Amino acid sequence: MKKETLHQDAIIPHDIRYAIDKMRQGKFMRRAGWNGKDYRIGLQLRDAGSANTEPYVYMLVPGPSGELFRVPWTCSQTDLLAHDWDVVD
């Protein structure tokens, strides 16, 4: 079996660990494989006004007038194993 090596110009895939780390820094994430063009996920951490006792991941989905709706998000196995996670600017 041939051993793969990383070259300086190689593209390093962004897996779910990368996505979680970035969300902990306050970034929003998306996958290239998602059908929804402007879909993104974020991490809500517990704060003084939070009714939730644990952090949770949510998705922002664009509405018909361009507003963003916050909805619960659960990771699928496809999302969990994907390597196409990107930061939303």
C-alpha atoms as a PDB file:
ATOM      1  CA  MET A   1       0.000   0.000   0.000  1.00  0.00           C
ATOM      2  CA  LYS A   2       1.374   3.391  -1.024  1.00  0.00           C
ATOM      3  CA  LYS A   3       1.828   5.902   1.796  1.00  0.00           C
ATOM      4  CA  GLU A   4       0.395   9.353   1.074  1.00  0.00           C
ATOM      5  CA  THR A   5       2.366  12.477   1.871  1.00  0.00           C
ATOM      6  CA  LEU A   6       1.187  16.050   2.230  1.00  0.00           C
ATOM      7  CA  HIS A   7       2.815  18.633   0.016  1.00  0.00           C
ATOM      8  CA  GLN A   8       2.989  22.326   0.862  1.00  0.00           C
ATOM      9  CA  ASP A   9       0.267  23.157  -1.664  1.00  0.00           C
ATOM     10  CA  ALA A  10      -1.979  20.206  -0.764  1.00  0.00           C
ATOM     11  CA  ILE A  11      -5.546  20.959   0.258  1.00  0.00           C
ATOM     12  CA  ILE A  12      -6.127  19.798   3.813  1.00  0.00           C
ATOM     13  CA  PRO A  13      -9.703  18.535   4.231  1.00  0.00           C
ATOM     14  CA  HIS A  14     -11.867  20.162   6.858  1.00  0.00           C
ATOM     15  CA  ASP A  15     -13.647  17.538   8.940  1.00  0.00           C
ATOM     16  CA  ILE A  16     -16.235  17.800  11.726  1.00  0.00           C
ATOM     17  CA  ARG A  17     -13.512  18.452  14.321  1.00  0.00           C
ATOM     18  CA  TYR A  18     -12.424  21.506  12.321  1.00  0.00           C
ATOM     19  CA  ALA A  19     -16.059  22.665  12.146  1.00  0.00           C
ATOM     20  CA  ILE A  20     -16.591  22.295  15.898  1.00  0.00           C
ATOM     21  CA  ASP A  21     -13.337  24.088  16.720  1.00  0.00           C
ATOM     22  CA  LYS A  22     -14.305  27.014  14.488  1.00  0.00           C
ATOM     23  CA  MET A  23     -17.823  27.197  15.954  1.00  0.00           C
ATOM     24  CA  ARG A  24     -16.298  27.340  19.452  1.00  0.00           C
ATOM     25  CA  GLN A  25     -14.464  30.447  18.194  1.00  0.00           C
ATOM     26  CA  GLY A  26     -17.799  32.006  17.186  1.00  0.00           C
ATOM     27  CA  LYS A  27     -17.670  31.169  13.467  1.00  0.00           C
ATOM     28  CA  PHE A  28     -20.510  29.794  11.347  1.00  0.00           C
ATOM     29  CA  MET A  29     -19.917  26.685   9.239  1.00  0.00           C
ATOM     30  CA  ARG A  30     -21.376  25.104   6.101  1.00  0.00           C
ATOM     31  CA  ARG A  31     -20.738  22.102   3.938  1.00  0.00           C
ATOM     32  CA  ALA A  32     -20.056  22.253   0.226  1.00  0.00           C
ATOM     33  CA  GLY A  33     -22.323  19.201  -0.147  1.00  0.00           C
ATOM     34  CA  TRP A  34     -25.434  20.900   1.251  1.00  0.00           C
ATOM     35  CA  ASN A  35     -28.230  21.803  -1.160  1.00  0.00           C
ATOM     36  CA  GLY A  36     -29.229  24.961   0.725  1.00  0.00           C
ATOM     37  CA  LYS A  37     -27.042  27.745  -0.663  1.00  0.00           C
ATOM     38  CA  ASP A  38     -27.107  29.977   2.423  1.00  0.00           C
ATOM     39  CA  TYR A  39     -27.530  27.303   5.111  1.00  0.00           C
ATOM     40  CA  ARG A  40     -25.064  27.491   7.981  1.00  0.00           C
ATOM     41  CA  ILE A  41     -24.686  26.113  11.466  1.00  0.00           C
ATOM     42  CA  GLY A  42     -23.546  27.763  14.653  1.00  0.00           C
ATOM     43  CA  LEU A  43     -22.884  26.845  18.266  1.00  0.00           C
ATOM     44  CA  GLN A  44     -24.919  28.371  21.085  1.00  0.00           C
ATOM     45  CA  LEU A  45     -22.963  28.350  24.317  1.00  0.00           C
ATOM     46  CA  ARG A  46     -24.646  28.644  27.689  1.00  0.00           C
ATOM     47  CA  ASP A  47     -24.753  32.184  29.016  1.00  0.00           C
ATOM     48  CA  ALA A  48     -26.366  33.987  31.967  1.00  0.00           C
ATOM     49  CA  GLY A  49     -29.717  34.366  30.168  1.00  0.00           C
ATOM     50  CA  SER A  50     -29.809  30.878  28.665  1.00  0.00           C
ATOM     51  CA  ALA A  51     -32.537  28.417  29.607  1.00  0.00           C
ATOM     52  CA  ASN A  52     -30.391  25.588  28.233  1.00  0.00           C
ATOM     53  CA  THR A  53     -27.851  23.987  30.516  1.00  0.00           C
ATOM     54  CA  GLU A  54     -25.648  22.634  27.711  1.00  0.00           C
ATOM     55  CA  PRO A  55     -24.311  24.053  24.415  1.00  0.00           C
ATOM     56  CA  TYR A  56     -26.225  23.131  21.262  1.00  0.00           C
ATOM     57  CA  VAL A  57     -25.797  23.406  17.498  1.00  0.00           C
ATOM     58  CA  TYR A  58     -28.413  25.204  15.418  1.00  0.00           C
ATOM     59  CA  MET A  59     -28.912  25.917  11.733  1.00  0.00           C
ATOM     60  CA  LEU A  60     -29.667  29.296  10.191  1.00  0.00           C
ATOM     61  CA  VAL A  61     -32.053  28.872   7.265  1.00  0.00           C
ATOM     62  CA  PRO A  62     -32.956  31.774   4.949  1.00  0.00           C
ATOM     63  CA  GLY A  63     -36.632  32.691   4.813  1.00  0.00           C
ATOM     64  CA  PRO A  64     -38.564  33.976   1.811  1.00  0.00           C
ATOM     65  CA  SER A  65     -37.810  37.627   2.630  1.00  0.00           C
ATOM     66  CA  GLY A  66     -34.115  37.052   3.302  1.00  0.00           C
ATOM     67  CA  GLU A  67     -34.420  36.829   7.083  1.00  0.00           C
ATOM     68  CA  LEU A  68     -32.623  33.967   8.834  1.00  0.00           C
ATOM     69  CA  PHE A  69     -34.557  31.459  10.925  1.00  0.00           C
ATOM     70  CA  ARG A  70     -32.810  29.572  13.725  1.00  0.00           C
ATOM     71  CA  VAL A  71     -33.823  25.895  13.795  1.00  0.00           C
ATOM     72  CA  PRO A  72     -32.485  22.860  15.690  1.00  0.00           C
ATOM     73  CA  TRP A  73     -29.842  20.855  13.848  1.00  0.00           C
ATOM     74  CA  THR A  74     -28.780  17.249  14.262  1.00  0.00           C
ATOM     75  CA  CYS A  75     -25.686  15.939  12.526  1.00  0.00           C
ATOM     76  CA  SER A  76     -26.265  13.127  10.026  1.00  0.00           C
ATOM     77  CA  GLN A  77     -23.686  10.397   9.463  1.00  0.00           C
ATOM     78  CA  THR A  78     -22.898  12.005   6.118  1.00  0.00           C
ATOM     79  CA  ASP A  79     -22.199  15.348   7.828  1.00  0.00           C
ATOM     80  CA  LEU A  80     -20.207  13.644  10.580  1.00  0.00           C
ATOM     81  CA  LEU A  81     -17.863  11.911   8.125  1.00  0.00           C
ATOM     82  CA  ALA A  82     -17.626  14.716   5.546  1.00  0.00           C
ATOM     83  CA  HIS A  83     -14.402  16.567   4.731  1.00  0.00           C
ATOM     84  CA  ASP A  84     -15.943  19.596   3.000  1.00  0.00           C
ATOM     85  CA  TRP A  85     -16.642  21.903   5.967  1.00  0.00           C
ATOM     86  CA  ASP A  86     -15.971  25.605   5.389  1.00  0.00           C
ATOM     87  CA  VAL A  87     -16.177  28.781   7.459  1.00  0.00           C
ATOM     88  CA  VAL A  88     -18.952  31.169   6.408  1.00  0.00           C
ATOM     89  CA  ASP A  89     -17.595  34.702   6.101  1.00  0.00           C
END
